[in-house]
């Protein structure tokens, strides 16, 4: 056993620990696939520490360590598929992992018939093409054609050069280059936000893919130049840092969303609502236009909680949020500002008549009983309307007046504006 791989084993182990720690609060399928990929890299280094073993042991270590590299890239590629849960994506991962493992195994053996290697190389083109073509069109993202195209090119290159003077090296280098370059392109066209973590990960994947042909180039044309193993392993750690950055950026975005949105309905909370209405007021002043605010209180909601429980009440609130959101314009803001209270900013220019009509439509939406906990529930809404600048000229006065009119509507009878 060679101990020269021990530093890399330790470094990747620590990276895996950091990865788990960062991803633990909200780990989805993508995070789990990334973690599985780094476990494969740990297995790769562990296997390569036994390369010096003579006989079959060293051969198995070489095959397993190289195959683990391809499994890592395939796992990363699977995580970047727009539809990773679909059977086509899963089948593509398992089938291509098997194809790469088979070819690497055959390339590591001696005295393998040429026709067997030709058949194995042809699988790189036939397998992904057959899977993608068999996938229904609606479940066939365009990014999968990247894998198909590059693997077809790989099959053609292997059929052309795998029996050349440098064939034994090319039979390992070309598959490794293609599988990581495919991963790099899939990541570039993925839906990841273009952030610092995205740039670091993309550059790391590109450098990782280029390590294999560059290593072969140095071995063939510059045999006297000695490049340390840590240089060739640097892209791995660059990708790891980039992925951890992406996880941290995602957590920061989620925390910002939670700080400004209601956890139950997903609507803006009171803090974000204050920002939105401030912006609407400023735009109305600049345009010398009217804008409106609606204060909405649900009638009969307390009875729902008292008789059916808070779970049913939560269902009602989510249902009301969906109903109201579907009827409002994109430029308007619907927020949950209290237990059963909602507020709406109707961006200007808008007239009092138009604002009253919108309030009436929202009230009428609740005339149809809602379904919660298997029962039909009838609730209503009392709505207070205040206009800027006709009724109030400041944010506080507008909110106070809308609330007063909402309570006035509630006193005058359930379900009024």
Protein backbone atom coordinates (compact mmCIF):
# COMPACT_ATOMS: atom_id res chain seq x y z
CA UNK A 1 0.00 0.00 0.00
CA UNK A 2 1.26 3.46 -0.94
CA UNK A 3 0.90 6.29 1.57
CA UNK A 4 1.32 9.07 -0.99
CA UNK A 5 -2.47 9.14 -1.49
CA UNK A 6 -3.07 9.65 2.24
CA UNK A 7 -3.03 13.51 2.12
CA UNK A 8 -5.64 13.47 -0.64
CA UNK A 9 -7.71 10.91 1.24
CA UNK A 10 -7.63 13.13 4.32
CA UNK A 11 -8.36 16.32 2.35
CA UNK A 12 -11.33 14.83 0.50
CA UNK A 13 -12.62 13.32 3.75
CA UNK A 14 -12.58 16.76 5.36
CA UNK A 15 -14.29 18.23 2.30
CA UNK A 16 -17.01 15.59 2.56
CA UNK A 17 -17.50 16.48 6.23
CA UNK A 18 -17.72 20.19 5.34
CA UNK A 19 -20.09 19.37 2.49
CA UNK A 20 -22.40 17.40 4.80
CA UNK A 21 -22.32 20.17 7.41
CA UNK A 22 -23.23 22.87 4.88
CA UNK A 23 -25.89 20.86 3.07
CA UNK A 24 -27.61 19.38 6.15
CA UNK A 25 -30.28 22.11 6.67
CA UNK A 26 -31.85 21.73 3.22
CA UNK A 27 -30.34 18.87 1.26
CA UNK A 28 -32.24 17.89 -1.88
CA UNK A 29 -31.53 15.36 -4.63
CA UNK A 30 -28.87 17.58 -6.21
CA UNK A 31 -27.01 17.88 -2.92
CA UNK A 32 -27.16 14.12 -2.32
CA UNK A 33 -25.81 13.40 -5.80
CA UNK A 34 -22.95 15.86 -5.29
CA UNK A 35 -22.14 14.19 -1.98
CA UNK A 36 -22.20 10.74 -3.62
CA UNK A 37 -19.80 12.06 -6.28
CA UNK A 38 -17.29 13.17 -3.65
CA UNK A 39 -17.56 9.81 -1.92
CA UNK A 40 -16.58 8.29 -5.26
CA UNK A 41 -13.49 10.55 -5.30
CA UNK A 42 -12.61 9.29 -1.83
CA UNK A 43 -12.95 5.73 -3.14
CA UNK A 44 -10.79 6.69 -6.12
CA UNK A 45 -7.92 7.82 -3.90
CA UNK A 46 -8.37 4.81 -1.62
CA UNK A 47 -8.14 2.43 -4.58
CA UNK A 48 -5.12 4.19 -6.08
CA UNK A 49 -3.22 3.74 -2.83
CA UNK A 50 -3.08 0.01 -3.74
CA UNK A 51 -1.71 0.48 -7.28
CA UNK A 52 1.69 -0.78 -6.18
CA UNK A 53 0.24 -4.15 -5.19
CA UNK A 54 1.52 -6.78 -7.59
CA UNK A 55 -0.68 -9.05 -9.65
CA UNK A 56 -4.46 -9.06 -9.68
CA UNK A 57 -4.76 -6.80 -6.64
CA UNK A 58 -3.05 -3.88 -8.37
CA UNK A 59 -5.12 -4.43 -11.53
CA UNK A 60 -8.38 -4.39 -9.57
CA UNK A 61 -7.28 -1.23 -7.73
CA UNK A 62 -6.49 0.47 -11.05
CA UNK A 63 -9.85 -0.49 -12.58
CA UNK A 64 -11.86 0.44 -9.50
CA UNK A 65 -10.04 3.76 -8.95
CA UNK A 66 -10.46 4.85 -12.58
CA UNK A 67 -14.09 3.73 -12.70
CA UNK A 68 -14.78 5.74 -9.53
CA UNK A 69 -13.64 8.86 -11.39
CA UNK A 70 -16.24 8.25 -14.09
CA UNK A 71 -18.96 7.51 -11.52
CA UNK A 72 -18.26 10.88 -9.91
CA UNK A 73 -18.68 12.71 -13.22
CA UNK A 74 -21.85 10.76 -14.06
CA UNK A 75 -23.31 11.61 -10.64
CA UNK A 76 -22.52 15.29 -11.17
CA UNK A 77 -24.07 15.12 -14.63
CA UNK A 78 -27.20 13.46 -13.24
CA UNK A 79 -27.57 16.24 -10.68
CA UNK A 80 -27.56 18.84 -13.48
CA UNK A 81 -30.35 17.18 -15.46
CA UNK A 82 -33.50 19.38 -15.46
CA UNK A 83 -35.62 16.28 -14.75
CA UNK A 84 -33.41 14.15 -12.48
CA UNK A 85 -36.35 12.24 -10.96
CA UNK A 86 -37.60 10.92 -14.32
CA UNK A 87 -36.80 7.38 -15.41
CA UNK A 88 -34.92 8.60 -18.49
CA UNK A 89 -32.41 10.51 -16.37
CA UNK A 90 -31.94 7.62 -13.94
CA UNK A 91 -31.54 5.09 -16.75
CA UNK A 92 -29.03 7.32 -18.55
CA UNK A 93 -26.90 7.54 -15.40
CA UNK A 94 -26.86 3.81 -14.66
CA UNK A 95 -26.42 2.77 -18.28
CA UNK A 96 -23.55 5.17 -18.99
CA UNK A 97 -21.84 4.33 -15.70
CA UNK A 98 -21.98 0.68 -16.74
CA UNK A 99 -20.64 1.46 -20.24
CA UNK A 100 -17.70 3.48 -18.89
CA UNK A 101 -16.90 0.82 -16.27
CA UNK A 102 -17.03 -1.94 -18.88
CA UNK A 103 -14.76 -0.12 -21.31
CA UNK A 104 -12.23 0.84 -18.61
CA UNK A 105 -12.16 -2.76 -17.41
CA UNK A 106 -11.56 -4.11 -20.91
CA UNK A 107 -8.94 -1.42 -21.63
CA UNK A 108 -7.03 -2.47 -18.49
CA UNK A 109 -6.90 -6.14 -19.49
CA UNK A 110 -4.44 -7.69 -21.89
CA UNK A 111 -5.19 -9.82 -24.93
CA UNK A 112 -8.74 -8.56 -25.37
CA UNK A 113 -9.88 -9.31 -28.95
CA UNK A 114 -10.13 -6.27 -31.21
CA UNK A 115 -13.73 -6.95 -32.08
CA UNK A 116 -14.66 -6.85 -28.37
CA UNK A 117 -13.04 -3.43 -28.00
CA UNK A 118 -14.83 -2.23 -31.13
CA UNK A 119 -18.18 -3.37 -29.70
CA UNK A 120 -17.41 -1.76 -26.34
CA UNK A 121 -16.43 1.55 -27.99
CA UNK A 122 -19.62 1.49 -30.06
CA UNK A 123 -21.70 1.38 -26.86
CA UNK A 124 -20.67 4.98 -26.09
CA UNK A 125 -22.70 6.09 -29.10
CA UNK A 126 -25.52 3.55 -29.15
CA UNK A 127 -26.57 3.49 -25.48
CA UNK A 128 -27.17 7.22 -24.78
CA UNK A 129 -28.72 7.75 -28.21
CA UNK A 130 -31.15 4.86 -27.70
CA UNK A 131 -32.14 6.05 -24.19
CA UNK A 132 -32.71 9.66 -25.24
CA UNK A 133 -34.69 8.64 -28.33
CA UNK A 134 -36.85 6.29 -26.22
CA UNK A 135 -37.64 9.06 -23.75
CA UNK A 136 -40.94 10.90 -24.38
CA UNK A 137 -40.38 14.29 -25.98
CA UNK A 138 -41.75 16.23 -22.98
CA UNK A 139 -39.32 14.41 -20.67
CA UNK A 140 -36.30 14.94 -22.95
CA UNK A 141 -34.37 18.10 -21.95
CA UNK A 142 -32.12 19.57 -24.58
CA UNK A 143 -29.10 19.25 -22.29
CA UNK A 144 -29.18 15.46 -22.71
CA UNK A 145 -28.18 15.89 -26.34
CA UNK A 146 -24.87 17.27 -25.08
CA UNK A 147 -24.10 13.87 -23.56
CA UNK A 148 -25.28 12.11 -26.70
CA UNK A 149 -23.17 14.25 -29.04
CA UNK A 150 -19.97 14.03 -27.01
CA UNK A 151 -20.30 10.30 -26.44
CA UNK A 152 -20.87 9.73 -30.17
CA UNK A 153 -17.69 11.73 -30.81
CA UNK A 154 -15.92 9.62 -28.17
CA UNK A 155 -17.00 6.40 -29.88
CA UNK A 156 -15.73 7.67 -33.22
CA UNK A 157 -12.38 8.74 -31.70
CA UNK A 158 -11.90 5.41 -29.95
CA UNK A 159 -12.73 3.44 -33.08
CA UNK A 160 -10.16 5.53 -34.93
CA UNK A 161 -7.28 5.62 -32.40
CA UNK A 162 -7.71 2.93 -29.74
CA UNK A 163 -5.42 0.56 -31.66
CA UNK A 164 -2.78 3.20 -32.50
CA UNK A 165 0.68 3.46 -30.94
CA UNK A 166 -0.68 5.40 -27.97
CA UNK A 167 -3.90 3.37 -27.86
CA UNK A 168 -3.47 1.97 -24.32
CA UNK A 169 -3.22 5.53 -22.94
CA UNK A 170 -5.95 6.96 -25.16
CA UNK A 171 -8.39 4.23 -24.13
CA UNK A 172 -8.36 5.66 -20.60
CA UNK A 173 -7.67 9.35 -21.23
CA UNK A 174 -10.37 9.99 -23.85
CA UNK A 175 -13.29 8.53 -21.83
CA UNK A 176 -12.22 10.46 -18.73
CA UNK A 177 -11.88 13.70 -20.70
CA UNK A 178 -15.28 13.29 -22.37
CA UNK A 179 -17.20 12.37 -19.21
CA UNK A 180 -15.88 15.43 -17.33
CA UNK A 181 -16.18 17.79 -20.31
CA UNK A 182 -19.78 16.63 -20.73
CA UNK A 183 -20.38 17.39 -17.06
CA UNK A 184 -18.81 20.83 -17.53
CA UNK A 185 -21.09 21.71 -20.47
CA UNK A 186 -24.19 20.38 -18.71
CA UNK A 187 -23.37 22.55 -15.72
CA UNK A 188 -22.82 25.58 -17.96
CA UNK A 189 -26.32 25.17 -19.45
CA UNK A 190 -28.00 24.26 -16.17
CA UNK A 191 -30.40 26.51 -14.27
CA UNK A 192 -27.81 27.38 -11.62
CA UNK A 193 -27.68 31.09 -10.87
CA UNK A 194 -24.63 32.84 -12.34
CA UNK A 195 -22.90 33.57 -9.06
CA UNK A 196 -19.37 33.31 -7.71
CA UNK A 197 -19.96 29.67 -6.80
CA UNK A 198 -21.16 28.95 -10.34
CA UNK A 199 -18.03 30.49 -11.90
CA UNK A 200 -15.65 28.63 -9.57
CA UNK A 201 -17.42 25.30 -10.14
CA UNK A 202 -17.54 25.76 -13.92
CA UNK A 203 -13.85 26.65 -14.18
CA UNK A 204 -13.00 23.74 -11.88
CA UNK A 205 -14.92 21.25 -14.01
CA UNK A 206 -13.30 22.60 -17.18
CA UNK A 207 -9.82 22.32 -15.64
CA UNK A 208 -10.66 18.84 -14.34
CA UNK A 209 -11.58 17.65 -17.83
CA UNK A 210 -8.38 19.12 -19.32
CA UNK A 211 -6.16 17.41 -16.73
CA UNK A 212 -6.39 14.08 -18.58
CA UNK A 213 -5.29 15.15 -22.11
CA UNK A 214 -2.71 17.54 -20.64
CA UNK A 215 -1.26 14.75 -18.51
CA UNK A 216 -0.93 12.52 -21.55
CA UNK A 217 0.63 15.38 -23.54
CA UNK A 218 3.30 15.90 -20.88
CA UNK A 219 4.01 12.16 -20.72
CA UNK A 220 4.45 11.87 -24.51
CA UNK A 221 6.07 15.15 -25.50
CA UNK A 222 7.68 16.40 -22.28
CA UNK A 223 8.71 13.24 -20.40
CA UNK A 224 11.46 15.07 -18.51
CA UNK A 225 9.06 17.63 -17.03
CA UNK A 226 7.82 16.46 -13.66
CA UNK A 227 4.45 17.88 -12.61
CA UNK A 228 3.47 17.21 -9.01
CA UNK A 229 0.33 15.20 -8.30
CA UNK A 230 -1.06 18.09 -6.27
CA UNK A 231 -1.18 20.20 -9.46
CA UNK A 232 -3.31 17.62 -11.26
CA UNK A 233 -5.57 17.27 -8.22
CA UNK A 234 -6.08 21.02 -7.79
CA UNK A 235 -9.21 21.17 -10.06
CA UNK A 236 -10.95 18.64 -7.82
CA UNK A 237 -10.63 20.94 -4.83
CA UNK A 238 -11.64 23.93 -6.94
CA UNK A 239 -14.89 22.14 -7.84
CA UNK A 240 -15.43 21.21 -4.19
CA UNK A 241 -15.01 24.82 -3.07
CA UNK A 242 -17.35 25.99 -5.85
CA UNK A 243 -20.06 23.53 -4.86
CA UNK A 244 -19.82 24.49 -1.20
CA UNK A 245 -20.13 28.13 -2.26
CA UNK A 246 -23.24 27.25 -4.27
CA UNK A 247 -24.77 25.58 -1.21
CA UNK A 248 -23.98 28.59 0.98
CA UNK A 249 -25.40 30.96 -1.63
CA UNK A 250 -28.55 28.85 -1.81
CA UNK A 251 -28.92 28.90 1.98
CA UNK A 252 -28.42 32.67 2.03
CA UNK A 253 -31.10 33.09 -0.62
CA UNK A 254 -33.49 30.85 1.33
CA UNK A 255 -32.82 32.76 4.53
CA UNK A 256 -33.48 36.06 2.77
CA UNK A 257 -36.73 34.64 1.39
CA UNK A 258 -37.83 33.40 4.82
CA UNK A 259 -37.02 36.80 6.34
CA UNK A 260 -39.40 38.53 3.93
CA UNK A 261 -42.09 35.91 3.29
CA UNK A 262 -44.74 34.13 5.31
CA UNK A 263 -43.69 30.52 5.93
CA UNK A 264 -47.25 29.18 5.64
CA UNK A 265 -48.51 30.82 2.44
CA UNK A 266 -45.27 31.93 0.80
CA UNK A 267 -46.69 35.45 0.49
CA UNK A 268 -44.72 38.58 1.40
CA UNK A 269 -44.83 39.28 5.14
CA UNK A 270 -45.44 42.62 6.83
CA UNK A 271 -41.79 43.69 6.48
CA UNK A 272 -41.69 43.12 2.72
CA UNK A 273 -45.18 44.58 2.37
CA UNK A 274 -43.96 47.84 3.94
CA UNK A 275 -41.15 47.98 1.37
CA UNK A 276 -43.54 47.26 -1.51
CA UNK A 277 -46.11 49.86 -0.48
CA UNK A 278 -43.36 52.44 0.07
CA UNK A 279 -42.17 51.83 -3.49
CA UNK A 280 -45.71 52.01 -4.84
CA UNK A 281 -46.29 55.33 -3.05
CA UNK A 282 -43.08 56.79 -4.43
CA UNK A 283 -43.94 55.73 -7.98
CA UNK A 284 -47.45 57.15 -7.60
CA UNK A 285 -45.99 60.50 -6.46
CA UNK A 286 -43.60 60.61 -9.41
CA UNK A 287 -46.37 59.83 -11.90
CA UNK A 288 -48.93 61.96 -10.07
CA UNK A 289 -51.21 58.92 -10.17
CA UNK A 290 -53.49 57.13 -7.74
CA UNK A 291 -52.74 53.83 -6.03
CA UNK A 292 -54.86 51.81 -3.63
CA UNK A 293 -54.44 49.64 -0.56
CA UNK A 294 -56.82 46.90 0.56
CA UNK A 295 -56.95 45.60 4.13
CA UNK A 296 -58.69 42.17 4.19
CA UNK A 297 -59.87 40.26 7.24
CA UNK A 298 -61.40 36.78 6.90
CA UNK A 299 -64.84 36.35 8.45
CA UNK A 300 -65.57 33.07 10.22
CA UNK A 301 -61.93 31.98 10.32
CA UNK A 302 -61.81 31.73 14.13
CA UNK A 303 -64.67 29.21 14.06
CA UNK A 304 -62.67 27.08 11.60
CA UNK A 305 -59.73 26.92 13.99
CA UNK A 306 -61.98 26.28 17.01
CA UNK A 307 -64.04 23.50 15.41
CA UNK A 308 -61.68 21.81 12.93
CA UNK A 309 -58.29 22.67 14.37
CA UNK A 310 -55.32 24.73 13.26
CA UNK A 311 -54.40 22.27 10.49
CA UNK A 312 -57.69 23.02 8.74
CA UNK A 313 -57.13 26.73 9.35
CA UNK A 314 -53.72 26.52 7.69
CA UNK A 315 -55.27 24.82 4.67
CA UNK A 316 -57.85 27.60 4.40
CA UNK A 317 -55.17 30.30 4.54
CA UNK A 318 -53.12 28.63 1.81
CA UNK A 319 -56.23 28.21 -0.34
CA UNK A 320 -57.22 31.86 0.11
CA UNK A 321 -53.67 32.95 -0.78
CA UNK A 322 -53.80 30.94 -4.02
CA UNK A 323 -57.26 32.30 -4.92
CA UNK A 324 -56.27 35.92 -4.37
CA UNK A 325 -52.92 35.59 -6.11
CA UNK A 326 -54.55 34.14 -9.23
CA UNK A 327 -56.91 37.14 -9.55
CA UNK A 328 -54.43 39.96 -8.97
CA UNK A 329 -52.07 41.48 -11.50
CA UNK A 330 -48.34 40.71 -11.46
CA UNK A 331 -47.56 44.31 -10.56
CA UNK A 332 -49.81 44.16 -7.47
CA UNK A 333 -48.65 42.85 -4.09
CA UNK A 334 -50.60 40.45 -1.89
CA UNK A 335 -49.20 39.97 1.61
CA UNK A 336 -50.21 38.12 4.75
CA UNK A 337 -49.89 40.75 7.47
CA UNK A 338 -51.54 38.95 10.38
CA UNK A 339 -53.17 35.70 11.50
CA UNK A 340 -56.14 35.88 9.12
CA UNK A 341 -55.37 39.31 7.69
CA UNK A 342 -54.19 40.03 4.16
CA UNK A 343 -53.15 43.30 2.57
CA UNK A 344 -53.04 44.25 -1.09
CA UNK A 345 -51.22 47.05 -2.90
CA UNK A 346 -52.91 47.94 -6.19
CA UNK A 347 -50.31 49.75 -8.27
CA UNK A 348 -51.37 52.89 -10.05
CA UNK A 349 -52.62 54.43 -12.10
CA UNK A 350 -55.93 53.09 -10.81
CA UNK A 351 -59.30 54.69 -10.08
CA UNK A 352 -61.43 54.24 -6.98
CA UNK A 353 -64.03 52.46 -9.08
CA UNK A 354 -61.44 49.98 -10.40
CA UNK A 355 -60.04 49.38 -6.92
CA UNK A 356 -63.55 48.80 -5.53
CA UNK A 357 -64.25 46.35 -8.33
CA UNK A 358 -61.04 44.39 -7.52
CA UNK A 359 -62.03 44.28 -3.84
CA UNK A 360 -65.48 43.01 -4.81
CA UNK A 361 -63.98 40.27 -6.97
CA UNK A 362 -61.75 39.10 -4.10
CA UNK A 363 -64.73 39.06 -1.74
CA UNK A 364 -66.83 37.08 -4.24
CA UNK A 365 -64.10 34.45 -4.55
CA UNK A 366 -64.93 33.35 -1.01
CA UNK A 367 -68.63 32.93 -1.67
CA UNK A 368 -67.90 29.41 -2.88
CA UNK A 369 -67.22 27.03 0.05
CA UNK A 370 -63.60 25.92 0.46
CA UNK A 371 -62.52 22.34 1.05
CA UNK A 372 -60.30 21.64 4.06
CA UNK A 373 -59.81 18.47 6.13
CA UNK A 374 -62.40 16.74 3.97
CA UNK A 375 -65.13 19.27 4.77
CA UNK A 376 -66.70 22.22 2.98
CA UNK A 377 -65.98 25.45 4.83
CA UNK A 378 -67.75 28.75 4.27
CA UNK A 379 -65.85 31.91 5.13
CA UNK A 380 -66.11 35.51 4.00
CA UNK A 381 -64.03 38.65 3.86
CA UNK A 382 -64.40 42.19 5.12
CA UNK A 383 -62.34 44.63 3.06
CA UNK A 384 -61.25 48.19 3.74
CA UNK A 385 -60.10 50.38 0.82
CA UNK A 386 -57.93 53.51 1.01
CA UNK A 387 -56.69 55.55 -1.96
CA UNK A 388 -53.54 57.60 -2.38
CA UNK A 389 -53.53 60.61 -2.54
CA UNK A 390 -57.31 61.13 -2.20
CA UNK A 391 -57.71 59.56 1.26
CA UNK A 392 -54.19 59.80 2.71
CA UNK A 393 -50.78 61.13 1.64
CA UNK A 394 -48.45 59.09 3.89
CA UNK A 395 -47.83 55.39 4.37
CA UNK A 396 -48.95 55.31 8.00
CA UNK A 397 -52.14 57.26 7.33
CA UNK A 398 -52.99 55.02 4.36
CA UNK A 399 -52.54 51.82 6.40
CA UNK A 400 -54.47 53.18 9.39
CA UNK A 401 -57.37 54.32 7.21
CA UNK A 402 -57.54 50.98 5.34
CA UNK A 403 -57.65 49.12 8.67
CA UNK A 404 -60.34 51.43 10.05
CA UNK A 405 -62.49 50.92 6.99
CA UNK A 406 -61.94 47.14 7.17
CA UNK A 407 -63.24 47.10 10.76
CA UNK A 408 -66.11 49.33 9.68
CA UNK A 409 -66.97 46.79 6.95
CA UNK A 410 -66.80 43.98 9.51
CA UNK A 411 -69.18 45.85 11.85
CA UNK A 412 -71.61 46.57 9.05
CA UNK A 413 -71.94 42.89 8.18
CA UNK A 414 -69.86 39.94 7.04
CA UNK A 415 -68.66 40.00 3.45
CA UNK A 416 -68.68 43.70 2.60
CA UNK A 417 -66.28 46.27 1.15
